[in-house]
Amino acid sequence: MPKVKSEKKHRIHNEVQKQGIVFNKDFGQHILKNPLVITSMLEKSALRPTDVVLEIGPGTGNMTVKILEKAKKVIACEIDARLVAELQKRVQGTPLHSRLQILVGDALKTELPFFDICIANVPYQISSPLVFKLLLHRPLFRCAVLMFQREFAQRLVAKPDDKLYCRLSINTQLLARVDLLMKVGKNNFRPPPKVESSVVRIEPRNPPPPINFTEWDGLTRIAFLRKNKTLAASFKHSSVLETLLKNYRLHCSLHNIALADNFNIKDKVEQILNDTNMGAKRARSMDIDDFMNLLCAFNTEGIHFS
């Protein structure tokens, strides 16, 4: 058995060497090679000839070239200088060259320009921060069609009481509508990843919800830290109470409110949870409206999460 695995690795290595590139695992480089999957992703994005498209991690340009044929412009963000050179070489001397702009660097640290649509085979290790970088980007884009590790994609669309429902689920669904589009097997990539993949479509809510996302994120962080425990139990932790007390003192200072000598933040939190009938609830079963009502109740009492 070890011999078979060794031979398989050797074949993959030879195939990659023929391409002139050894892919970097640190950058999560798994090049999407199946043209049918690429075509399907483009169709699901409903590209228009006037669109500016952002592509994260274009790799050797298999998808980039197809997008360039349909869109006004492609902004490709690539961290690996070797692949940037390959991509430039691929369009050099063609009519597509003038419609391609390459941003060299880490997509998470790069200031992204305006774009209408994002289409990408996302490096899986940056999936979560990239989703929120995109959703908090302004001006709002129309939609994103993105390839993710399958379990991550399933978490994005999970609903209350689903096994995979988590903070990622509710934070994403607050800001966007998310749909699973299709499953993609390992053999559609070179080299094949160790996990299965799925494509999702993310459409930002426009207008965005009238809520401070930093506050919202602070609340869901506390609630989902132990999603199977009641909120009453989650808010009892000393580190949580210390942070809320610090924020409440700041609120009082900014609004010239005298803080009573016998003020107890724990009692205040318990009062809010009791008044909203939320103390016995568990994050795993709470929907967006539940969290909105809870956040409003805390904020009304001057307790903030940012």
C-alpha atoms as a PDB file:
ATOM      1  CA  MET A   1       0.000   0.000   0.000  1.00  0.00           C
ATOM      2  CA  PRO A   2       2.732   2.577   0.833  1.00  0.00           C
ATOM      3  CA  LYS A   3       4.282   1.844  -2.564  1.00  0.00           C
ATOM      4  CA  VAL A   4       1.032   2.743  -4.372  1.00  0.00           C
ATOM      5  CA  LYS A   5       0.775   6.024  -2.469  1.00  0.00           C
ATOM      6  CA  SER A   6       4.404   6.780  -3.284  1.00  0.00           C
ATOM      7  CA  GLU A   7       3.842   6.125  -6.979  1.00  0.00           C
ATOM      8  CA  LYS A   8       0.754   8.345  -6.982  1.00  0.00           C
ATOM      9  CA  LYS A   9       2.663  11.200  -5.369  1.00  0.00           C
ATOM     10  CA  HIS A  10       5.432  10.722  -7.914  1.00  0.00           C
ATOM     11  CA  ARG A  11       2.960  10.987 -10.815  1.00  0.00           C
ATOM     12  CA  ILE A  12       1.446  14.184  -9.377  1.00  0.00           C
ATOM     13  CA  HIS A  13       4.905  15.642  -8.867  1.00  0.00           C
ATOM     14  CA  ASN A  14       5.857  14.839 -12.465  1.00  0.00           C
ATOM     15  CA  GLU A  15       2.661  16.402 -13.765  1.00  0.00           C
ATOM     16  CA  VAL A  16       3.301  19.584 -11.815  1.00  0.00           C
ATOM     17  CA  GLN A  17       6.914  19.683 -12.959  1.00  0.00           C
ATOM     18  CA  LYS A  18       5.769  19.523 -16.568  1.00  0.00           C
ATOM     19  CA  GLN A  19       3.790  22.694 -15.946  1.00  0.00           C
ATOM     20  CA  GLY A  20       6.975  24.369 -14.696  1.00  0.00           C
ATOM     21  CA  ILE A  21       5.439  25.210 -11.324  1.00  0.00           C
ATOM     22  CA  VAL A  22       5.629  23.499  -7.953  1.00  0.00           C
ATOM     23  CA  PHE A  23       2.475  24.596  -6.137  1.00  0.00           C
ATOM     24  CA  ASN A  24       2.866  26.130  -2.689  1.00  0.00           C
ATOM     25  CA  LYS A  25       0.825  24.345   0.021  1.00  0.00           C
ATOM     26  CA  ASP A  26       1.267  27.332   2.360  1.00  0.00           C
ATOM     27  CA  PHE A  27      -0.830  29.396  -0.055  1.00  0.00           C
ATOM     28  CA  GLY A  28      -3.462  26.666  -0.458  1.00  0.00           C
ATOM     29  CA  GLN A  29      -2.733  26.347  -4.167  1.00  0.00           C
ATOM     30  CA  HIS A  30      -5.062  23.815  -5.786  1.00  0.00           C
ATOM     31  CA  ILE A  31      -5.667  24.868  -9.375  1.00  0.00           C
ATOM     32  CA  LEU A  32      -9.195  24.298 -10.712  1.00  0.00           C
ATOM     33  CA  LYS A  33      -8.606  22.414 -13.963  1.00  0.00           C
ATOM     34  CA  ASN A  34     -12.084  21.263 -15.050  1.00  0.00           C
ATOM     35  CA  PRO A  35     -13.442  23.731 -17.666  1.00  0.00           C
ATOM     36  CA  LEU A  36     -17.009  22.542 -17.068  1.00  0.00           C
ATOM     37  CA  VAL A  37     -16.859  23.613 -13.411  1.00  0.00           C
ATOM     38  CA  ILE A  38     -15.394  26.970 -14.435  1.00  0.00           C
ATOM     39  CA  THR A  39     -18.127  27.503 -17.038  1.00  0.00           C
ATOM     40  CA  SER A  40     -20.815  26.608 -14.500  1.00  0.00           C
ATOM     41  CA  MET A  41     -19.432  29.078 -11.933  1.00  0.00           C
ATOM     42  CA  LEU A  42     -19.471  31.850 -14.518  1.00  0.00           C
ATOM     43  CA  GLU A  43     -23.031  31.021 -15.551  1.00  0.00           C
ATOM     44  CA  LYS A  44     -24.195  31.072 -11.911  1.00  0.00           C
ATOM     45  CA  SER A  45     -22.688  34.540 -11.471  1.00  0.00           C
ATOM     46  CA  ALA A  46     -24.822  35.951 -14.341  1.00  0.00           C
ATOM     47  CA  LEU A  47     -21.904  37.968 -15.671  1.00  0.00           C
ATOM     48  CA  ARG A  48     -22.624  41.077 -17.725  1.00  0.00           C
ATOM     49  CA  PRO A  49     -20.334  42.564 -20.411  1.00  0.00           C
ATOM     50  CA  THR A  50     -20.116  45.766 -18.323  1.00  0.00           C
ATOM     51  CA  ASP A  51     -18.980  44.027 -15.115  1.00  0.00           C
ATOM     52  CA  VAL A  52     -15.742  44.564 -13.235  1.00  0.00           C
ATOM     53  CA  VAL A  53     -14.852  41.200 -11.702  1.00  0.00           C
ATOM     54  CA  LEU A  54     -12.609  40.535  -8.705  1.00  0.00           C
ATOM     55  CA  GLU A  55     -10.841  37.176  -8.694  1.00  0.00           C
ATOM     56  CA  ILE A  56      -8.970  36.066  -5.573  1.00  0.00           C
ATOM     57  CA  GLY A  57      -6.137  33.604  -6.242  1.00  0.00           C
ATOM     58  CA  PRO A  58      -6.251  33.325 -10.058  1.00  0.00           C
ATOM     59  CA  GLY A  59      -3.437  30.772 -10.079  1.00  0.00           C
ATOM     60  CA  THR A  60      -2.379  29.985 -13.634  1.00  0.00           C
ATOM     61  CA  GLY A  61      -5.407  31.794 -15.070  1.00  0.00           C
ATOM     62  CA  ASN A  62      -7.740  28.969 -16.126  1.00  0.00           C
ATOM     63  CA  MET A  63     -10.754  30.877 -14.816  1.00  0.00           C
ATOM     64  CA  THR A  64      -9.303  34.345 -15.411  1.00  0.00           C
ATOM     65  CA  VAL A  65      -9.184  33.904 -19.182  1.00  0.00           C
ATOM     66  CA  LYS A  66     -12.804  32.701 -19.282  1.00  0.00           C
ATOM     67  CA  ILE A  67     -13.942  35.708 -17.223  1.00  0.00           C
ATOM     68  CA  LEU A  68     -11.965  38.120 -19.417  1.00  0.00           C
ATOM     69  CA  GLU A  69     -13.852  36.836 -22.442  1.00  0.00           C
ATOM     70  CA  LYS A  70     -17.183  37.822 -20.850  1.00  0.00           C
ATOM     71  CA  ALA A  71     -16.523  40.847 -18.615  1.00  0.00           C
ATOM     72  CA  LYS A  72     -15.345  44.414 -19.050  1.00  0.00           C
ATOM     73  CA  LYS A  73     -12.396  43.995 -16.669  1.00  0.00           C
ATOM     74  CA  VAL A  74     -10.838  41.498 -14.257  1.00  0.00           C
ATOM     75  CA  ILE A  75      -8.954  42.533 -11.119  1.00  0.00           C
ATOM     76  CA  ALA A  76      -6.916  39.491 -10.129  1.00  0.00           C
ATOM     77  CA  CYS A  77      -5.364  39.422  -6.649  1.00  0.00           C
ATOM     78  CA  GLU A  78      -2.478  36.952  -6.390  1.00  0.00           C
ATOM     79  CA  ILE A  79       0.085  36.515  -3.608  1.00  0.00           C
ATOM     80  CA  ASP A  80       2.538  34.279  -5.516  1.00  0.00           C
ATOM     81  CA  ALA A  81       4.832  36.224  -7.865  1.00  0.00           C
ATOM     82  CA  ARG A  82       5.527  33.070  -9.910  1.00  0.00           C
ATOM     83  CA  LEU A  83       1.862  32.682 -10.737  1.00  0.00           C
ATOM     84  CA  VAL A  84       1.561  36.397 -11.500  1.00  0.00           C
ATOM     85  CA  ALA A  85       4.250  35.912 -14.155  1.00  0.00           C
ATOM     86  CA  GLU A  86       2.401  32.888 -15.574  1.00  0.00           C
ATOM     87  CA  LEU A  87      -0.853  34.808 -15.741  1.00  0.00           C
ATOM     88  CA  GLN A  88       0.772  37.802 -17.450  1.00  0.00           C
ATOM     89  CA  LYS A  89       2.460  35.476 -19.949  1.00  0.00           C
ATOM     90  CA  ARG A  90      -0.880  33.804 -20.697  1.00  0.00           C
ATOM     91  CA  VAL A  91      -2.624  37.012 -21.853  1.00  0.00           C
ATOM     92  CA  GLN A  92       0.397  38.854 -23.247  1.00  0.00           C
ATOM     93  CA  GLY A  93      -0.081  39.849 -26.867  1.00  0.00           C
ATOM     94  CA  THR A  94      -3.832  39.107 -26.814  1.00  0.00           C
ATOM     95  CA  PRO A  95      -6.816  41.498 -26.743  1.00  0.00           C
ATOM     96  CA  LEU A  96      -7.493  40.293 -23.185  1.00  0.00           C
ATOM     97  CA  HIS A  97      -4.308  41.870 -21.840  1.00  0.00           C
ATOM     98  CA  SER A  98      -5.718  45.405 -21.620  1.00  0.00           C
ATOM     99  CA  ARG A  99      -8.702  44.231 -19.541  1.00  0.00           C
ATOM    100  CA  LEU A 100      -6.618  42.505 -16.843  1.00  0.00           C
ATOM    101  CA  GLN A 101      -5.386  44.291 -13.718  1.00  0.00           C
ATOM    102  CA  ILE A 102      -3.221  42.285 -11.319  1.00  0.00           C
ATOM    103  CA  LEU A 103      -2.896  43.128  -7.632  1.00  0.00           C
ATOM    104  CA  VAL A 104       0.188  41.420  -6.222  1.00  0.00           C
ATOM    105  CA  GLY A 105      -0.159  40.595  -2.535  1.00  0.00           C
ATOM    106  CA  ASP A 106      -2.236  39.064   0.240  1.00  0.00           C
ATOM    107  CA  ALA A 107      -5.950  39.573  -0.487  1.00  0.00           C
ATOM    108  CA  LEU A 108      -6.660  40.007   3.232  1.00  0.00           C
ATOM    109  CA  LYS A 109      -4.171  42.880   3.497  1.00  0.00           C
ATOM    110  CA  THR A 110      -4.856  44.480   0.120  1.00  0.00           C
ATOM    111  CA  GLU A 111      -7.225  47.422  -0.229  1.00  0.00           C
ATOM    112  CA  LEU A 112      -9.765  46.173  -2.721  1.00  0.00           C
ATOM    113  CA  PRO A 113     -11.063  48.558  -5.393  1.00  0.00           C
ATOM    114  CA  PHE A 114     -14.619  48.750  -6.719  1.00  0.00           C
ATOM    115  CA  PHE A 115     -15.971  45.559  -8.302  1.00  0.00           C
ATOM    116  CA  ASP A 116     -19.396  44.274  -9.387  1.00  0.00           C
ATOM    117  CA  ILE A 117     -18.839  40.553  -8.875  1.00  0.00           C
ATOM    118  CA  CYS A 118     -16.295  38.331  -7.148  1.00  0.00           C
ATOM    119  CA  ILE A 119     -15.556  34.890  -8.607  1.00  0.00           C
ATOM    120  CA  ALA A 120     -12.877  32.786  -6.991  1.00  0.00           C
ATOM    121  CA  ASN A 121     -11.474  29.399  -6.128  1.00  0.00           C
ATOM    122  CA  VAL A 122     -10.612  30.592  -2.633  1.00  0.00           C
ATOM    123  CA  PRO A 123      -7.475  29.403  -0.797  1.00  0.00           C
ATOM    124  CA  TYR A 124      -9.281  27.503   1.956  1.00  0.00           C
ATOM    125  CA  GLN A 125      -7.210  28.785   4.868  1.00  0.00           C
ATOM    126  CA  ILE A 126      -8.429  32.375   4.296  1.00  0.00           C
ATOM    127  CA  SER A 127     -12.096  31.469   3.754  1.00  0.00           C
ATOM    128  CA  SER A 128     -13.636  33.029   6.870  1.00  0.00           C
ATOM    129  CA  PRO A 129     -11.741  36.345   6.989  1.00  0.00           C
ATOM    130  CA  LEU A 130     -12.167  36.752   3.231  1.00  0.00           C
ATOM    131  CA  VAL A 131     -15.957  36.330   3.417  1.00  0.00           C
ATOM    132  CA  PHE A 132     -16.234  39.156   5.959  1.00  0.00           C
ATOM    133  CA  LYS A 133     -13.719  41.366   4.167  1.00  0.00           C
ATOM    134  CA  LEU A 134     -15.927  41.087   1.094  1.00  0.00           C
ATOM    135  CA  LEU A 135     -19.213  41.583   2.963  1.00  0.00           C
ATOM    136  CA  LEU A 136     -17.925  44.683   4.768  1.00  0.00           C
ATOM    137  CA  HIS A 137     -16.476  46.126   1.544  1.00  0.00           C
ATOM    138  CA  ARG A 138     -18.054  49.316   0.261  1.00  0.00           C
ATOM    139  CA  PRO A 139     -19.557  50.077  -2.143  1.00  0.00           C
ATOM    140  CA  LEU A 140     -21.549  46.838  -2.107  1.00  0.00           C
ATOM    141  CA  PHE A 141     -20.932  44.334  -4.893  1.00  0.00           C
ATOM    142  CA  ARG A 142     -23.759  42.467  -6.662  1.00  0.00           C
ATOM    143  CA  CYS A 143     -22.790  38.887  -5.808  1.00  0.00           C
ATOM    144  CA  ALA A 144     -19.894  36.511  -5.225  1.00  0.00           C
ATOM    145  CA  VAL A 145     -19.565  32.953  -6.553  1.00  0.00           C
ATOM    146  CA  LEU A 146     -16.902  31.227  -4.463  1.00  0.00           C
ATOM    147  CA  MET A 147     -15.371  27.775  -4.109  1.00  0.00           C
ATOM    148  CA  PHE A 148     -14.882  26.631  -0.510  1.00  0.00           C
ATOM    149  CA  GLN A 149     -14.123  23.481   1.435  1.00  0.00           C
ATOM    150  CA  ARG A 150     -17.479  21.653   1.613  1.00  0.00           C
ATOM    151  CA  GLU A 151     -17.918  21.747   5.382  1.00  0.00           C
ATOM    152  CA  PHE A 152     -17.188  25.489   5.425  1.00  0.00           C
ATOM    153  CA  ALA A 153     -19.797  26.010   2.692  1.00  0.00           C
ATOM    154  CA  GLN A 154     -22.314  23.983   4.700  1.00  0.00           C
ATOM    155  CA  ARG A 155     -21.635  26.116   7.771  1.00  0.00           C
ATOM    156  CA  LEU A 156     -22.361  29.264   5.762  1.00  0.00           C
ATOM    157  CA  VAL A 157     -25.907  28.092   4.993  1.00  0.00           C
ATOM    158  CA  ALA A 158     -26.681  26.201   8.242  1.00  0.00           C
ATOM    159  CA  LYS A 159     -29.861  27.151  10.121  1.00  0.00           C
ATOM    160  CA  PRO A 160     -30.671  27.173  13.875  1.00  0.00           C
ATOM    161  CA  ASP A 161     -30.557  23.672  15.404  1.00  0.00           C
ATOM    162  CA  ASP A 162     -28.500  22.320  12.474  1.00  0.00           C
ATOM    163  CA  LYS A 163     -25.388  20.474  13.657  1.00  0.00           C
ATOM    164  CA  LEU A 164     -23.088  22.862  11.737  1.00  0.00           C
ATOM    165  CA  TYR A 165     -24.900  26.069  12.804  1.00  0.00           C
ATOM    166  CA  CYS A 166     -22.348  28.422  14.317  1.00  0.00           C
ATOM    167  CA  ARG A 167     -21.235  32.033  14.618  1.00  0.00           C
ATOM    168  CA  LEU A 168     -20.030  31.957  11.006  1.00  0.00           C
ATOM    169  CA  SER A 169     -23.555  30.971   9.909  1.00  0.00           C
ATOM    170  CA  ILE A 170     -25.448  33.739  11.648  1.00  0.00           C
ATOM    171  CA  ASN A 171     -22.878  36.479  11.016  1.00  0.00           C
ATOM    172  CA  THR A 172     -22.841  35.708   7.297  1.00  0.00           C
ATOM    173  CA  GLN A 173     -26.618  35.400   7.018  1.00  0.00           C
ATOM    174  CA  LEU A 174     -27.060  38.743   8.792  1.00  0.00           C
ATOM    175  CA  LEU A 175     -25.156  40.446   5.977  1.00  0.00           C
ATOM    176  CA  ALA A 176     -26.046  38.303   2.968  1.00  0.00           C
ATOM    177  CA  ARG A 177     -28.209  35.687   1.344  1.00  0.00           C
ATOM    178  CA  VAL A 178     -26.152  32.524   0.851  1.00  0.00           C
ATOM    179  CA  ASP A 179     -26.998  29.600  -1.453  1.00  0.00           C
ATOM    180  CA  LEU A 180     -25.201  26.302  -2.054  1.00  0.00           C
ATOM    181  CA  LEU A 181     -24.811  25.886  -5.819  1.00  0.00           C
ATOM    182  CA  MET A 182     -22.923  22.654  -6.446  1.00  0.00           C
ATOM    183  CA  LYS A 183     -20.520  20.065  -5.100  1.00  0.00           C
ATOM    184  CA  VAL A 184     -17.060  19.746  -6.651  1.00  0.00           C
ATOM    185  CA  GLY A 185     -14.933  16.611  -6.229  1.00  0.00           C
ATOM    186  CA  LYS A 186     -11.218  16.494  -5.428  1.00  0.00           C
ATOM    187  CA  ASN A 187     -10.190  15.347  -8.906  1.00  0.00           C
ATOM    188  CA  ASN A 188     -11.266  18.644 -10.460  1.00  0.00           C
ATOM    189  CA  PHE A 189      -8.115  20.237  -8.998  1.00  0.00           C
ATOM    190  CA  ARG A 190      -4.383  19.963  -9.562  1.00  0.00           C
ATOM    191  CA  PRO A 191      -2.999  18.795  -7.206  1.00  0.00           C
ATOM    192  CA  PRO A 192      -6.152  17.280  -5.632  1.00  0.00           C
ATOM    193  CA  PRO A 193      -6.917  18.673  -2.135  1.00  0.00           C
ATOM    194  CA  LYS A 194      -7.593  16.343   0.804  1.00  0.00           C
ATOM    195  CA  VAL A 195     -11.168  17.590   1.170  1.00  0.00           C
ATOM    196  CA  GLU A 196     -14.279  17.880  -0.977  1.00  0.00           C
ATOM    197  CA  SER A 197     -15.409  21.308  -2.168  1.00  0.00           C
ATOM    198  CA  SER A 198     -18.603  23.225  -2.854  1.00  0.00           C
ATOM    199  CA  VAL A 199     -19.516  26.414  -4.692  1.00  0.00           C
ATOM    200  CA  VAL A 200     -21.699  29.028  -2.991  1.00  0.00           C
ATOM    201  CA  ARG A 201     -23.352  32.225  -4.156  1.00  0.00           C
ATOM    202  CA  ILE A 202     -23.263  35.141  -1.714  1.00  0.00           C
ATOM    203  CA  GLU A 203     -25.517  38.132  -2.331  1.00  0.00           C
ATOM    204  CA  PRO A 204     -25.045  41.063   0.099  1.00  0.00           C
ATOM    205  CA  ARG A 205     -28.226  42.457   1.620  1.00  0.00           C
ATOM    206  CA  ASN A 206     -28.842  45.832   0.004  1.00  0.00           C
ATOM    207  CA  PRO A 207     -29.368  47.995   1.913  1.00  0.00           C
ATOM    208  CA  PRO A 208     -27.319  46.341   4.663  1.00  0.00           C
ATOM    209  CA  PRO A 209     -29.046  45.759   8.025  1.00  0.00           C
ATOM    210  CA  PRO A 210     -29.138  48.895  10.231  1.00  0.00           C
ATOM    211  CA  ILE A 211     -26.826  47.416  12.816  1.00  0.00           C
ATOM    212  CA  ASN A 212     -23.299  47.980  14.085  1.00  0.00           C
ATOM    213  CA  PHE A 213     -21.561  44.814  12.925  1.00  0.00           C
ATOM    214  CA  THR A 214     -18.729  45.158  15.452  1.00  0.00           C
ATOM    215  CA  GLU A 215     -21.336  45.174  18.252  1.00  0.00           C
ATOM    216  CA  TRP A 216     -23.190  42.241  16.679  1.00  0.00           C
ATOM    217  CA  ASP A 217     -19.977  40.255  16.301  1.00  0.00           C
ATOM    218  CA  GLY A 218     -19.070  40.909  19.936  1.00  0.00           C
ATOM    219  CA  LEU A 219     -22.423  39.551  21.101  1.00  0.00           C
ATOM    220  CA  THR A 220     -22.362  36.427  18.919  1.00  0.00           C
ATOM    221  CA  ARG A 221     -18.757  35.758  19.958  1.00  0.00           C
ATOM    222  CA  ILE A 222     -19.876  35.461  23.599  1.00  0.00           C
ATOM    223  CA  ALA A 223     -23.002  33.458  22.807  1.00  0.00           C
ATOM    224  CA  PHE A 224     -21.336  30.934  20.480  1.00  0.00           C
ATOM    225  CA  LEU A 225     -18.224  30.398  22.576  1.00  0.00           C
ATOM    226  CA  ARG A 226     -20.249  27.633  24.223  1.00  0.00           C
ATOM    227  CA  LYS A 227     -23.224  27.335  21.872  1.00  0.00           C
ATOM    228  CA  ASN A 228     -24.781  24.432  23.785  1.00  0.00           C
ATOM    229  CA  LYS A 229     -24.853  26.311  27.088  1.00  0.00           C
ATOM    230  CA  THR A 230     -27.605  28.746  28.046  1.00  0.00           C
ATOM    231  CA  LEU A 231     -26.971  32.461  27.578  1.00  0.00           C
ATOM    232  CA  ALA A 232     -27.226  32.867  31.344  1.00  0.00           C
ATOM    233  CA  ALA A 233     -24.242  30.520  31.727  1.00  0.00           C
ATOM    234  CA  SER A 234     -22.273  32.122  28.884  1.00  0.00           C
ATOM    235  CA  PHE A 235     -22.582  35.616  30.385  1.00  0.00           C
ATOM    236  CA  LYS A 236     -21.462  34.511  33.861  1.00  0.00           C
ATOM    237  CA  HIS A 237     -17.792  34.156  32.904  1.00  0.00           C
ATOM    238  CA  SER A 238     -15.581  36.693  34.645  1.00  0.00           C
ATOM    239  CA  SER A 239     -13.744  37.727  31.451  1.00  0.00           C
ATOM    240  CA  VAL A 240     -17.078  38.504  29.762  1.00  0.00           C
ATOM    241  CA  LEU A 241     -18.340  40.502  32.730  1.00  0.00           C
ATOM    242  CA  GLU A 242     -15.071  42.445  33.020  1.00  0.00           C
ATOM    243  CA  THR A 243     -15.270  43.494  29.364  1.00  0.00           C
ATOM    244  CA  LEU A 244     -18.917  44.516  29.636  1.00  0.00           C
ATOM    245  CA  LEU A 245     -18.204  46.511  32.804  1.00  0.00           C
ATOM    246  CA  LYS A 246     -15.350  48.342  31.094  1.00  0.00           C
ATOM    247  CA  ASN A 247     -17.613  49.187  28.159  1.00  0.00           C
ATOM    248  CA  TYR A 248     -20.429  50.293  30.465  1.00  0.00           C
ATOM    249  CA  ARG A 249     -18.112  52.606  32.401  1.00  0.00           C
ATOM    250  CA  LEU A 250     -17.026  54.167  29.114  1.00  0.00           C
ATOM    251  CA  HIS A 251     -20.675  54.620  28.126  1.00  0.00           C
ATOM    252  CA  CYS A 252     -21.427  56.327  31.446  1.00  0.00           C
ATOM    253  CA  SER A 253     -18.407  58.592  31.115  1.00  0.00           C
ATOM    254  CA  LEU A 254     -19.352  59.669  27.573  1.00  0.00           C
ATOM    255  CA  HIS A 255     -22.956  60.418  28.585  1.00  0.00           C
ATOM    256  CA  ASN A 256     -22.206  62.022  31.987  1.00  0.00           C
ATOM    257  CA  ILE A 257     -24.017  59.248  33.847  1.00  0.00           C
ATOM    258  CA  ALA A 258     -23.017  58.726  37.478  1.00  0.00           C
ATOM    259  CA  LEU A 259     -22.214  55.090  38.212  1.00  0.00           C
ATOM    260  CA  ALA A 260     -23.743  53.987  41.509  1.00  0.00           C
ATOM    261  CA  ASP A 261     -21.324  52.743  44.160  1.00  0.00           C
ATOM    262  CA  ASN A 262     -23.204  49.471  44.506  1.00  0.00           C
ATOM    263  CA  PHE A 263     -23.491  48.883  40.741  1.00  0.00           C
ATOM    264  CA  ASN A 264     -23.007  45.230  39.832  1.00  0.00           C
ATOM    265  CA  ILE A 265     -22.605  44.340  36.133  1.00  0.00           C
ATOM    266  CA  LYS A 266     -23.581  40.726  36.776  1.00  0.00           C
ATOM    267  CA  ASP A 267     -26.940  41.800  38.193  1.00  0.00           C
ATOM    268  CA  LYS A 268     -27.469  44.147  35.258  1.00  0.00           C
ATOM    269  CA  VAL A 269     -26.806  41.385  32.721  1.00  0.00           C
ATOM    270  CA  GLU A 270     -29.100  38.960  34.560  1.00  0.00           C
ATOM    271  CA  GLN A 271     -31.843  41.594  34.587  1.00  0.00           C
ATOM    272  CA  ILE A 272     -31.597  42.080  30.803  1.00  0.00           C
ATOM    273  CA  LEU A 273     -31.641  38.338  30.137  1.00  0.00           C
ATOM    274  CA  ASN A 274     -34.671  37.912  32.407  1.00  0.00           C
ATOM    275  CA  ASP A 275     -36.565  40.874  30.914  1.00  0.00           C
ATOM    276  CA  THR A 276     -36.057  39.500  27.393  1.00  0.00           C
ATOM    277  CA  ASN A 277     -36.721  35.870  28.397  1.00  0.00           C
ATOM    278  CA  MET A 278     -33.372  34.971  26.814  1.00  0.00           C
ATOM    279  CA  GLY A 279     -31.494  33.551  29.792  1.00  0.00           C
ATOM    280  CA  ALA A 280     -32.563  29.951  29.127  1.00  0.00           C
ATOM    281  CA  LYS A 281     -31.975  30.131  25.374  1.00  0.00           C
ATOM    282  CA  ARG A 282     -28.970  28.524  23.667  1.00  0.00           C
ATOM    283  CA  ALA A 283     -27.074  30.088  20.767  1.00  0.00           C
ATOM    284  CA  ARG A 284     -27.437  26.911  18.694  1.00  0.00           C
ATOM    285  CA  SER A 285     -31.226  27.520  18.501  1.00  0.00           C
ATOM    286  CA  MET A 286     -31.310  31.329  18.153  1.00  0.00           C
ATOM    287  CA  ASP A 287     -32.048  33.088  14.875  1.00  0.00           C
ATOM    288  CA  ILE A 288     -31.158  36.578  13.634  1.00  0.00           C
ATOM    289  CA  ASP A 289     -34.262  38.191  15.181  1.00  0.00           C
ATOM    290  CA  ASP A 290     -33.400  36.702  18.586  1.00  0.00           C
ATOM    291  CA  PHE A 291     -29.918  38.208  18.501  1.00  0.00           C
ATOM    292  CA  MET A 292     -31.172  41.556  17.185  1.00  0.00           C
ATOM    293  CA  ASN A 293     -33.666  41.829  20.051  1.00  0.00           C
ATOM    294  CA  LEU A 294     -31.007  40.865  22.596  1.00  0.00           C
ATOM    295  CA  LEU A 295     -28.468  43.343  21.221  1.00  0.00           C
ATOM    296  CA  CYS A 296     -31.079  46.104  21.260  1.00  0.00           C
ATOM    297  CA  ALA A 297     -31.935  45.306  24.886  1.00  0.00           C
ATOM    298  CA  PHE A 298     -28.278  45.451  25.982  1.00  0.00           C
ATOM    299  CA  ASN A 299     -27.600  48.675  24.040  1.00  0.00           C
ATOM    300  CA  THR A 300     -30.744  50.335  25.450  1.00  0.00           C
ATOM    301  CA  GLU A 301     -29.298  49.748  28.912  1.00  0.00           C
ATOM    302  CA  GLY A 302     -25.959  51.229  27.851  1.00  0.00           C
ATOM    303  CA  ILE A 303     -24.094  47.921  27.619  1.00  0.00           C
ATOM    304  CA  HIS A 304     -22.032  47.563  24.459  1.00  0.00           C
ATOM    305  CA  PHE A 305     -19.921  44.818  22.908  1.00  0.00           C
ATOM    306  CA  SER A 306     -17.278  46.890  21.137  1.00  0.00           C
END
